[in-house]
Amino acid sequence: MATFIDIGLIITSIALIASVILQSKGGGLGGLTGADSGSVFTARRGIERVLFRVTIALSVLFFVLALTALFLGR
């Protein structure tokens, strides 16, 4: 059982990292140019909304798996 939880944590963490990186919108080092890139609010539409919700779901799943591993004595 603990092996399945460990594998689930690894897969979930890799997917969570990928989803966070995909949300960066190419901003990267935009703060260094002097432009305030965070001042404009844009609504999430289409794939951005799906990616945002997938990131939230993956983070909740990761948290639950981590707590389960903790309570199983890992």
N, C-alpha and C. Protein backbone atom coordinates (compact mmCIF):
# COMPACT_ATOMS: atom_id res chain seq x y z
N MET A 1 0.83 -1.20 0.00
CA MET A 1 0.00 0.00 0.00
C MET A 1 0.86 1.26 0.00
N ALA A 2 1.91 1.25 0.80
CA ALA A 2 2.78 2.42 0.88
C ALA A 2 3.50 2.67 -0.44
N THR A 3 3.81 1.60 -1.17
CA THR A 3 4.48 1.75 -2.46
C THR A 3 3.57 2.47 -3.45
N PHE A 4 2.28 2.14 -3.43
CA PHE A 4 1.34 2.82 -4.33
C PHE A 4 1.21 4.29 -3.99
N ILE A 5 1.24 4.61 -2.71
CA ILE A 5 1.15 6.01 -2.30
C ILE A 5 2.40 6.77 -2.73
N ASP A 6 3.57 6.13 -2.57
CA ASP A 6 4.81 6.77 -3.00
C ASP A 6 4.82 7.02 -4.51
N ILE A 7 4.38 6.04 -5.27
CA ILE A 7 4.31 6.21 -6.73
C ILE A 7 3.31 7.30 -7.09
N GLY A 8 2.18 7.33 -6.39
CA GLY A 8 1.19 8.38 -6.62
C GLY A 8 1.73 9.76 -6.30
N LEU A 9 2.51 9.87 -5.23
CA LEU A 9 3.12 11.16 -4.88
C LEU A 9 4.11 11.61 -5.95
N ILE A 10 4.89 10.69 -6.47
CA ILE A 10 5.87 11.04 -7.50
C ILE A 10 5.17 11.52 -8.76
N ILE A 11 4.17 10.77 -9.20
CA ILE A 11 3.45 11.13 -10.43
C ILE A 11 2.71 12.45 -10.25
N THR A 12 2.06 12.62 -9.10
CA THR A 12 1.32 13.84 -8.83
C THR A 12 2.25 15.06 -8.76
N SER A 13 3.41 14.88 -8.13
CA SER A 13 4.33 16.01 -8.02
C SER A 13 4.88 16.42 -9.38
N ILE A 14 5.20 15.46 -10.24
CA ILE A 14 5.68 15.79 -11.58
C ILE A 14 4.59 16.51 -12.38
N ALA A 15 3.36 16.02 -12.29
CA ALA A 15 2.25 16.67 -13.01
C ALA A 15 1.97 18.06 -12.46
N LEU A 16 2.11 18.24 -11.15
CA LEU A 16 1.88 19.55 -10.53
C LEU A 16 2.96 20.54 -10.97
N ILE A 17 4.19 20.11 -11.01
CA ILE A 17 5.28 20.97 -11.47
C ILE A 17 5.05 21.38 -12.92
N ALA A 18 4.65 20.43 -13.76
CA ALA A 18 4.41 20.73 -15.17
C ALA A 18 3.26 21.71 -15.34
N SER A 19 2.19 21.54 -14.57
CA SER A 19 1.04 22.44 -14.71
C SER A 19 1.37 23.86 -14.24
N VAL A 20 2.21 23.99 -13.22
CA VAL A 20 2.60 25.32 -12.76
C VAL A 20 3.51 25.99 -13.79
N ILE A 21 4.42 25.23 -14.37
CA ILE A 21 5.31 25.80 -15.38
C ILE A 21 4.52 26.23 -16.62
N LEU A 22 3.52 25.47 -17.01
CA LEU A 22 2.72 25.81 -18.18
C LEU A 22 1.89 27.08 -17.97
N GLN A 23 1.64 27.44 -16.72
CA GLN A 23 0.84 28.64 -16.43
C GLN A 23 1.65 29.92 -16.48
N SER A 24 2.94 29.85 -16.67
CA SER A 24 3.78 31.04 -16.57
C SER A 24 3.49 32.07 -17.66
N LYS A 25 2.85 31.70 -18.76
CA LYS A 25 2.44 32.60 -19.85
C LYS A 25 3.62 33.30 -20.50
N GLY A 26 4.79 32.78 -20.38
CA GLY A 26 5.95 33.39 -21.01
C GLY A 26 6.40 34.66 -20.35
N GLY A 27 5.93 34.95 -19.15
CA GLY A 27 6.33 36.17 -18.45
C GLY A 27 7.78 36.12 -18.05
N GLY A 28 8.22 35.00 -17.55
CA GLY A 28 9.61 34.78 -17.22
C GLY A 28 10.25 35.91 -16.45
N LEU A 29 11.14 36.63 -17.10
CA LEU A 29 11.88 37.72 -16.48
C LEU A 29 11.26 39.07 -16.81
N GLY A 30 9.96 39.12 -16.98
CA GLY A 30 9.29 40.35 -17.37
C GLY A 30 9.43 41.47 -16.36
N GLY A 31 9.65 41.13 -15.10
CA GLY A 31 9.81 42.16 -14.09
C GLY A 31 11.10 42.94 -14.23
N LEU A 32 12.07 42.39 -14.95
CA LEU A 32 13.35 43.08 -15.11
C LEU A 32 13.30 44.18 -16.15
N THR A 33 12.30 44.18 -17.00
CA THR A 33 12.22 45.19 -18.06
C THR A 33 11.63 46.50 -17.58
N GLY A 34 11.10 46.54 -16.39
CA GLY A 34 10.52 47.76 -15.87
C GLY A 34 9.02 47.81 -16.01
N ALA A 35 8.45 46.95 -16.82
CA ALA A 35 7.00 46.94 -16.99
C ALA A 35 6.36 46.17 -15.84
N ASP A 36 5.26 46.67 -15.35
CA ASP A 36 4.54 46.00 -14.26
C ASP A 36 3.57 45.01 -14.88
N SER A 37 3.99 43.76 -15.01
CA SER A 37 3.17 42.77 -15.71
C SER A 37 2.01 42.25 -14.87
N GLY A 38 2.01 42.50 -13.56
CA GLY A 38 0.96 41.98 -12.71
C GLY A 38 -0.19 42.94 -12.50
N SER A 39 -0.16 44.10 -13.11
CA SER A 39 -1.18 45.11 -12.83
C SER A 39 -2.44 44.93 -13.67
N VAL A 40 -2.39 44.18 -14.73
CA VAL A 40 -3.54 44.01 -15.61
C VAL A 40 -4.20 42.68 -15.32
N PHE A 41 -5.49 42.72 -15.01
CA PHE A 41 -6.24 41.50 -14.74
C PHE A 41 -6.89 41.02 -16.03
N THR A 42 -6.69 39.76 -16.33
CA THR A 42 -7.35 39.15 -17.48
C THR A 42 -8.10 37.92 -17.01
N ALA A 43 -9.28 37.70 -17.54
CA ALA A 43 -10.08 36.55 -17.17
C ALA A 43 -9.50 35.31 -17.83
N ARG A 44 -9.58 34.21 -17.08
CA ARG A 44 -9.09 32.94 -17.63
C ARG A 44 -10.17 32.36 -18.53
N ARG A 45 -9.76 32.00 -19.73
CA ARG A 45 -10.69 31.41 -20.68
C ARG A 45 -10.04 30.19 -21.32
N GLY A 46 -10.86 29.25 -21.72
CA GLY A 46 -10.41 28.10 -22.48
C GLY A 46 -9.42 27.24 -21.73
N ILE A 47 -8.26 27.05 -22.34
CA ILE A 47 -7.27 26.15 -21.78
C ILE A 47 -6.66 26.71 -20.50
N GLU A 48 -6.61 28.03 -20.36
CA GLU A 48 -6.08 28.62 -19.13
C GLU A 48 -6.95 28.25 -17.93
N ARG A 49 -8.26 28.28 -18.10
CA ARG A 49 -9.17 27.93 -17.02
C ARG A 49 -9.04 26.45 -16.66
N VAL A 50 -8.94 25.60 -17.69
CA VAL A 50 -8.79 24.16 -17.46
C VAL A 50 -7.48 23.88 -16.74
N LEU A 51 -6.40 24.51 -17.17
CA LEU A 51 -5.11 24.31 -16.55
C LEU A 51 -5.10 24.80 -15.11
N PHE A 52 -5.78 25.91 -14.84
CA PHE A 52 -5.89 26.44 -13.48
C PHE A 52 -6.61 25.45 -12.57
N ARG A 53 -7.71 24.89 -13.06
CA ARG A 53 -8.48 23.93 -12.25
C ARG A 53 -7.73 22.61 -12.07
N VAL A 54 -7.01 22.19 -13.09
CA VAL A 54 -6.20 20.97 -12.98
C VAL A 54 -5.10 21.17 -11.94
N THR A 55 -4.51 22.34 -11.91
CA THR A 55 -3.47 22.64 -10.92
C THR A 55 -4.04 22.59 -9.51
N ILE A 56 -5.22 23.13 -9.31
CA ILE A 56 -5.85 23.08 -8.00
C ILE A 56 -6.16 21.64 -7.61
N ALA A 57 -6.70 20.86 -8.53
CA ALA A 57 -7.02 19.46 -8.24
C ALA A 57 -5.76 18.66 -7.92
N LEU A 58 -4.70 18.89 -8.67
CA LEU A 58 -3.45 18.17 -8.41
C LEU A 58 -2.86 18.55 -7.07
N SER A 59 -2.96 19.81 -6.69
CA SER A 59 -2.43 20.22 -5.39
C SER A 59 -3.23 19.62 -4.24
N VAL A 60 -4.54 19.52 -4.39
CA VAL A 60 -5.36 18.88 -3.36
C VAL A 60 -5.03 17.39 -3.28
N LEU A 61 -4.89 16.75 -4.43
CA LEU A 61 -4.53 15.33 -4.46
C LEU A 61 -3.17 15.09 -3.83
N PHE A 62 -2.20 15.95 -4.12
CA PHE A 62 -0.87 15.82 -3.53
C PHE A 62 -0.94 15.97 -2.01
N PHE A 63 -1.70 16.92 -1.54
CA PHE A 63 -1.85 17.15 -0.10
C PHE A 63 -2.48 15.94 0.59
N VAL A 64 -3.52 15.37 -0.02
CA VAL A 64 -4.18 14.20 0.55
C VAL A 64 -3.23 13.00 0.57
N LEU A 65 -2.50 12.79 -0.51
CA LEU A 65 -1.55 11.68 -0.55
C LEU A 65 -0.43 11.86 0.47
N ALA A 66 0.04 13.09 0.64
CA ALA A 66 1.09 13.35 1.62
C ALA A 66 0.59 13.09 3.04
N LEU A 67 -0.64 13.51 3.33
CA LEU A 67 -1.19 13.23 4.66
C LEU A 67 -1.42 11.74 4.87
N THR A 68 -1.85 11.05 3.83
CA THR A 68 -2.05 9.61 3.93
C THR A 68 -0.73 8.90 4.20
N ALA A 69 0.33 9.31 3.52
CA ALA A 69 1.64 8.72 3.76
C ALA A 69 2.12 9.02 5.18
N LEU A 70 1.81 10.20 5.67
CA LEU A 70 2.20 10.56 7.03
C LEU A 70 1.48 9.70 8.05
N PHE A 71 0.18 9.51 7.87
CA PHE A 71 -0.59 8.72 8.83
C PHE A 71 -0.30 7.23 8.76
N LEU A 72 0.22 6.76 7.64
CA LEU A 72 0.60 5.36 7.53
C LEU A 72 1.97 5.09 8.14
N GLY A 73 2.63 6.13 8.57
CA GLY A 73 3.89 5.96 9.27
C GLY A 73 5.10 5.95 8.37
N ARG A 74 5.02 6.59 7.25
CA ARG A 74 6.16 6.63 6.33
C ARG A 74 7.13 7.63 6.79
